[in-house]
N, C-alpha and C. Protein backbone atom coordinates (compact mmCIF):
# COMPACT_ATOMS: atom_id res chain seq x y z
N UNK A 1 48.70 23.48 51.24
CA UNK A 1 48.07 24.04 50.08
C UNK A 1 47.16 23.00 49.45
N UNK A 2 45.89 23.26 49.41
CA UNK A 2 44.93 22.37 48.79
C UNK A 2 44.36 23.07 47.57
N UNK A 3 44.42 22.39 46.45
CA UNK A 3 43.80 22.87 45.22
C UNK A 3 42.75 21.85 44.83
N UNK A 4 41.58 22.34 44.44
CA UNK A 4 40.54 21.41 44.01
C UNK A 4 39.74 22.04 42.89
N UNK A 5 39.17 21.19 42.06
CA UNK A 5 38.35 21.66 40.95
C UNK A 5 37.26 20.63 40.68
N UNK A 6 36.03 21.11 40.55
CA UNK A 6 34.91 20.25 40.17
C UNK A 6 34.69 20.43 38.67
N UNK A 7 34.59 19.32 37.99
CA UNK A 7 34.32 19.32 36.55
C UNK A 7 32.92 18.75 36.37
N UNK A 8 31.98 19.61 36.06
CA UNK A 8 30.58 19.21 35.93
C UNK A 8 30.35 18.46 34.62
N UNK A 9 29.52 17.41 34.72
CA UNK A 9 29.13 16.60 33.56
C UNK A 9 30.34 16.10 32.77
N UNK A 10 31.37 15.70 33.47
CA UNK A 10 32.59 15.20 32.84
C UNK A 10 32.43 13.79 32.30
N UNK A 11 31.48 13.06 32.83
CA UNK A 11 31.29 11.66 32.44
C UNK A 11 31.86 10.72 33.48
N UNK A 12 31.39 9.50 33.46
CA UNK A 12 31.83 8.48 34.41
C UNK A 12 33.30 8.14 34.16
N UNK A 13 34.10 7.97 35.21
CA UNK A 13 35.53 7.70 34.99
C UNK A 13 35.81 6.34 34.34
N UNK A 14 34.89 5.37 34.43
CA UNK A 14 35.14 4.06 33.80
C UNK A 14 34.93 4.11 32.31
N UNK A 15 33.84 4.75 31.91
CA UNK A 15 33.44 4.62 30.50
C UNK A 15 32.93 5.92 29.87
N UNK A 16 32.95 7.02 30.61
CA UNK A 16 32.56 8.31 30.05
C UNK A 16 31.07 8.54 29.93
N UNK A 17 30.23 7.61 30.46
CA UNK A 17 28.78 7.82 30.31
C UNK A 17 28.37 9.10 31.00
N UNK A 18 27.40 9.81 30.45
CA UNK A 18 27.03 11.13 30.97
C UNK A 18 26.36 11.07 32.33
N UNK A 19 26.29 12.25 32.97
CA UNK A 19 25.58 12.37 34.23
C UNK A 19 26.44 12.28 35.46
N UNK A 20 27.77 12.45 35.31
CA UNK A 20 28.68 12.37 36.45
C UNK A 20 29.60 13.58 36.50
N UNK A 21 29.87 14.04 37.72
CA UNK A 21 30.83 15.11 37.98
C UNK A 21 32.12 14.50 38.51
N UNK A 22 33.24 15.15 38.25
CA UNK A 22 34.53 14.74 38.80
C UNK A 22 35.03 15.82 39.75
N UNK A 23 35.74 15.41 40.78
CA UNK A 23 36.38 16.31 41.73
C UNK A 23 37.87 15.97 41.74
N UNK A 24 38.69 16.85 41.17
CA UNK A 24 40.14 16.66 41.16
C UNK A 24 40.74 17.48 42.30
N UNK A 25 41.76 16.94 42.95
CA UNK A 25 42.42 17.69 44.02
C UNK A 25 43.91 17.43 44.04
N UNK A 26 44.63 18.35 44.67
CA UNK A 26 46.07 18.24 44.86
C UNK A 26 46.41 18.90 46.19
N UNK A 27 47.27 18.29 46.98
CA UNK A 27 47.64 18.83 48.28
C UNK A 27 49.08 18.44 48.62
N UNK A 28 49.57 18.95 49.75
CA UNK A 28 50.98 18.79 50.10
C UNK A 28 51.35 17.48 50.80
N UNK A 29 50.41 16.83 51.47
CA UNK A 29 50.78 15.66 52.27
C UNK A 29 49.72 14.57 52.17
N UNK A 30 50.13 13.36 52.49
CA UNK A 30 49.20 12.24 52.47
C UNK A 30 48.13 12.43 53.54
N UNK A 31 48.49 13.00 54.68
CA UNK A 31 47.49 13.22 55.73
C UNK A 31 46.45 14.25 55.27
N UNK A 32 46.88 15.29 54.58
CA UNK A 32 45.94 16.27 54.04
C UNK A 32 45.03 15.61 53.00
N UNK A 33 45.59 14.72 52.20
CA UNK A 33 44.81 13.99 51.21
C UNK A 33 43.75 13.12 51.90
N UNK A 34 44.13 12.43 52.94
CA UNK A 34 43.19 11.56 53.66
C UNK A 34 42.04 12.36 54.26
N UNK A 35 42.35 13.51 54.86
CA UNK A 35 41.32 14.37 55.45
C UNK A 35 40.38 14.89 54.36
N UNK A 36 40.95 15.32 53.23
CA UNK A 36 40.13 15.83 52.14
C UNK A 36 39.19 14.75 51.60
N UNK A 37 39.71 13.56 51.36
CA UNK A 37 38.90 12.48 50.80
C UNK A 37 37.78 12.12 51.77
N UNK A 38 38.08 12.05 53.04
CA UNK A 38 37.05 11.72 54.03
C UNK A 38 35.94 12.78 54.03
N UNK A 39 36.30 14.05 53.95
CA UNK A 39 35.30 15.12 53.90
C UNK A 39 34.47 15.05 52.62
N UNK A 40 35.12 14.73 51.50
CA UNK A 40 34.41 14.61 50.22
C UNK A 40 33.44 13.43 50.25
N UNK A 41 33.85 12.33 50.84
CA UNK A 41 32.97 11.16 50.94
C UNK A 41 31.72 11.49 51.75
N UNK A 42 31.84 12.36 52.74
CA UNK A 42 30.68 12.77 53.53
C UNK A 42 29.69 13.57 52.68
N UNK A 43 30.16 14.08 51.54
CA UNK A 43 29.31 14.82 50.60
C UNK A 43 28.97 13.97 49.38
N UNK A 44 29.07 12.65 49.53
CA UNK A 44 28.63 11.65 48.55
C UNK A 44 29.56 11.46 47.35
N UNK A 45 30.80 11.98 47.41
CA UNK A 45 31.80 11.70 46.37
C UNK A 45 32.38 10.32 46.65
N UNK A 46 32.62 9.53 45.61
CA UNK A 46 33.30 8.24 45.74
C UNK A 46 34.70 8.37 45.16
N UNK A 47 35.69 7.74 45.81
CA UNK A 47 37.06 7.79 45.29
C UNK A 47 37.18 7.04 43.96
N UNK A 48 37.92 7.62 43.05
CA UNK A 48 38.29 6.92 41.82
C UNK A 48 39.77 6.57 41.94
N UNK A 49 40.62 7.55 41.92
CA UNK A 49 42.05 7.38 42.18
C UNK A 49 42.41 8.44 43.22
N UNK A 50 42.80 8.02 44.40
CA UNK A 50 43.12 8.99 45.46
C UNK A 50 44.45 8.67 46.12
N UNK A 51 45.01 9.67 46.79
CA UNK A 51 46.28 9.58 47.52
C UNK A 51 47.47 9.27 46.60
N UNK A 52 47.36 9.61 45.33
CA UNK A 52 48.45 9.38 44.40
C UNK A 52 49.53 10.43 44.53
N UNK A 53 50.72 10.09 44.09
CA UNK A 53 51.84 11.03 44.11
C UNK A 53 51.97 11.69 42.74
N UNK A 54 51.95 13.02 42.74
CA UNK A 54 52.09 13.79 41.51
C UNK A 54 53.57 13.95 41.16
N UNK A 55 53.86 14.37 39.94
CA UNK A 55 55.24 14.53 39.48
C UNK A 55 56.03 15.50 40.34
N UNK A 56 55.38 16.50 40.91
CA UNK A 56 56.08 17.49 41.73
C UNK A 56 56.20 17.08 43.20
N UNK A 57 55.81 15.86 43.55
CA UNK A 57 55.93 15.36 44.91
C UNK A 57 54.72 15.63 45.78
N UNK A 58 53.71 16.31 45.26
CA UNK A 58 52.49 16.52 46.02
C UNK A 58 51.59 15.30 45.86
N UNK A 59 50.45 15.32 46.52
CA UNK A 59 49.51 14.21 46.47
C UNK A 59 48.22 14.69 45.83
N UNK A 60 47.50 13.78 45.20
CA UNK A 60 46.26 14.18 44.57
C UNK A 60 45.42 13.01 44.17
N UNK A 61 44.31 13.33 43.52
CA UNK A 61 43.42 12.28 43.08
C UNK A 61 42.16 12.81 42.45
N UNK A 62 41.24 11.87 42.20
CA UNK A 62 39.97 12.17 41.55
C UNK A 62 38.87 11.38 42.26
N UNK A 63 37.78 12.07 42.55
CA UNK A 63 36.57 11.45 43.07
C UNK A 63 35.45 11.74 42.09
N UNK A 64 34.34 11.01 42.20
CA UNK A 64 33.23 11.22 41.27
C UNK A 64 31.91 10.97 41.95
N UNK A 65 30.84 11.51 41.35
CA UNK A 65 29.48 11.25 41.81
C UNK A 65 28.51 11.63 40.71
N UNK A 66 27.29 11.06 40.77
CA UNK A 66 26.27 11.49 39.82
C UNK A 66 26.00 12.99 40.00
N UNK A 67 25.81 13.69 38.92
CA UNK A 67 25.61 15.14 38.96
C UNK A 67 24.45 15.51 39.87
N UNK A 68 24.74 16.32 40.88
CA UNK A 68 23.71 16.85 41.77
C UNK A 68 23.17 15.90 42.81
N UNK A 69 23.73 14.72 42.96
CA UNK A 69 23.21 13.75 43.93
C UNK A 69 23.43 14.26 45.35
N UNK A 70 22.47 13.99 46.23
CA UNK A 70 22.59 14.45 47.62
C UNK A 70 22.17 13.37 48.60
N UNK A 71 22.51 12.13 48.26
CA UNK A 71 22.20 10.98 49.10
C UNK A 71 23.23 9.89 48.82
N UNK A 72 23.40 8.96 49.75
CA UNK A 72 24.34 7.86 49.51
C UNK A 72 23.95 7.09 48.24
N UNK A 73 24.96 6.58 47.55
CA UNK A 73 24.73 5.85 46.31
C UNK A 73 25.81 4.80 46.15
N UNK A 74 25.60 3.86 45.24
CA UNK A 74 26.58 2.81 44.97
C UNK A 74 26.83 2.74 43.47
N UNK A 75 27.98 2.18 43.13
CA UNK A 75 28.37 2.01 41.74
C UNK A 75 29.22 0.76 41.66
N UNK A 76 28.87 -0.12 40.77
CA UNK A 76 29.57 -1.38 40.64
C UNK A 76 29.55 -1.78 39.16
N UNK A 77 30.63 -2.34 38.64
CA UNK A 77 30.62 -2.74 37.22
C UNK A 77 29.47 -3.69 36.87
N UNK A 78 29.05 -4.49 37.82
CA UNK A 78 27.93 -5.42 37.57
C UNK A 78 26.58 -4.73 37.66
N UNK A 79 26.55 -3.58 38.36
CA UNK A 79 25.31 -2.83 38.53
C UNK A 79 25.65 -1.34 38.52
N UNK A 80 26.02 -0.79 37.36
CA UNK A 80 26.47 0.60 37.31
C UNK A 80 25.34 1.60 37.58
N UNK A 81 25.70 2.67 38.26
CA UNK A 81 24.73 3.75 38.46
C UNK A 81 24.52 4.44 37.12
N UNK A 82 23.27 4.79 36.78
CA UNK A 82 23.02 5.38 35.45
C UNK A 82 23.46 6.83 35.31
N UNK A 83 23.79 7.50 36.43
CA UNK A 83 24.11 8.91 36.36
C UNK A 83 22.84 9.74 36.37
N UNK A 84 23.01 11.04 36.53
CA UNK A 84 21.87 11.94 36.57
C UNK A 84 22.11 13.02 35.53
N UNK A 85 21.28 13.04 34.52
CA UNK A 85 21.43 14.01 33.44
C UNK A 85 20.47 15.16 33.60
């Protein structure tokens, strides 16, 4: 069972700056989590917190990307991506 939700314009996970979407997910196994994260990364999502254990014993996490981006990108505290508004 995979559950996922995209939260548009949620803000950057470090500091809330605008122009970023979040992708939250929950699944039954670590292997399902790994497959999901790999597929999301191919669509330019970067992991924030992934493969975590939820209170009910399932696995989940959060990925993020600039809103509407469709190309590889980088984000670093020393050189943060400005987001896309």
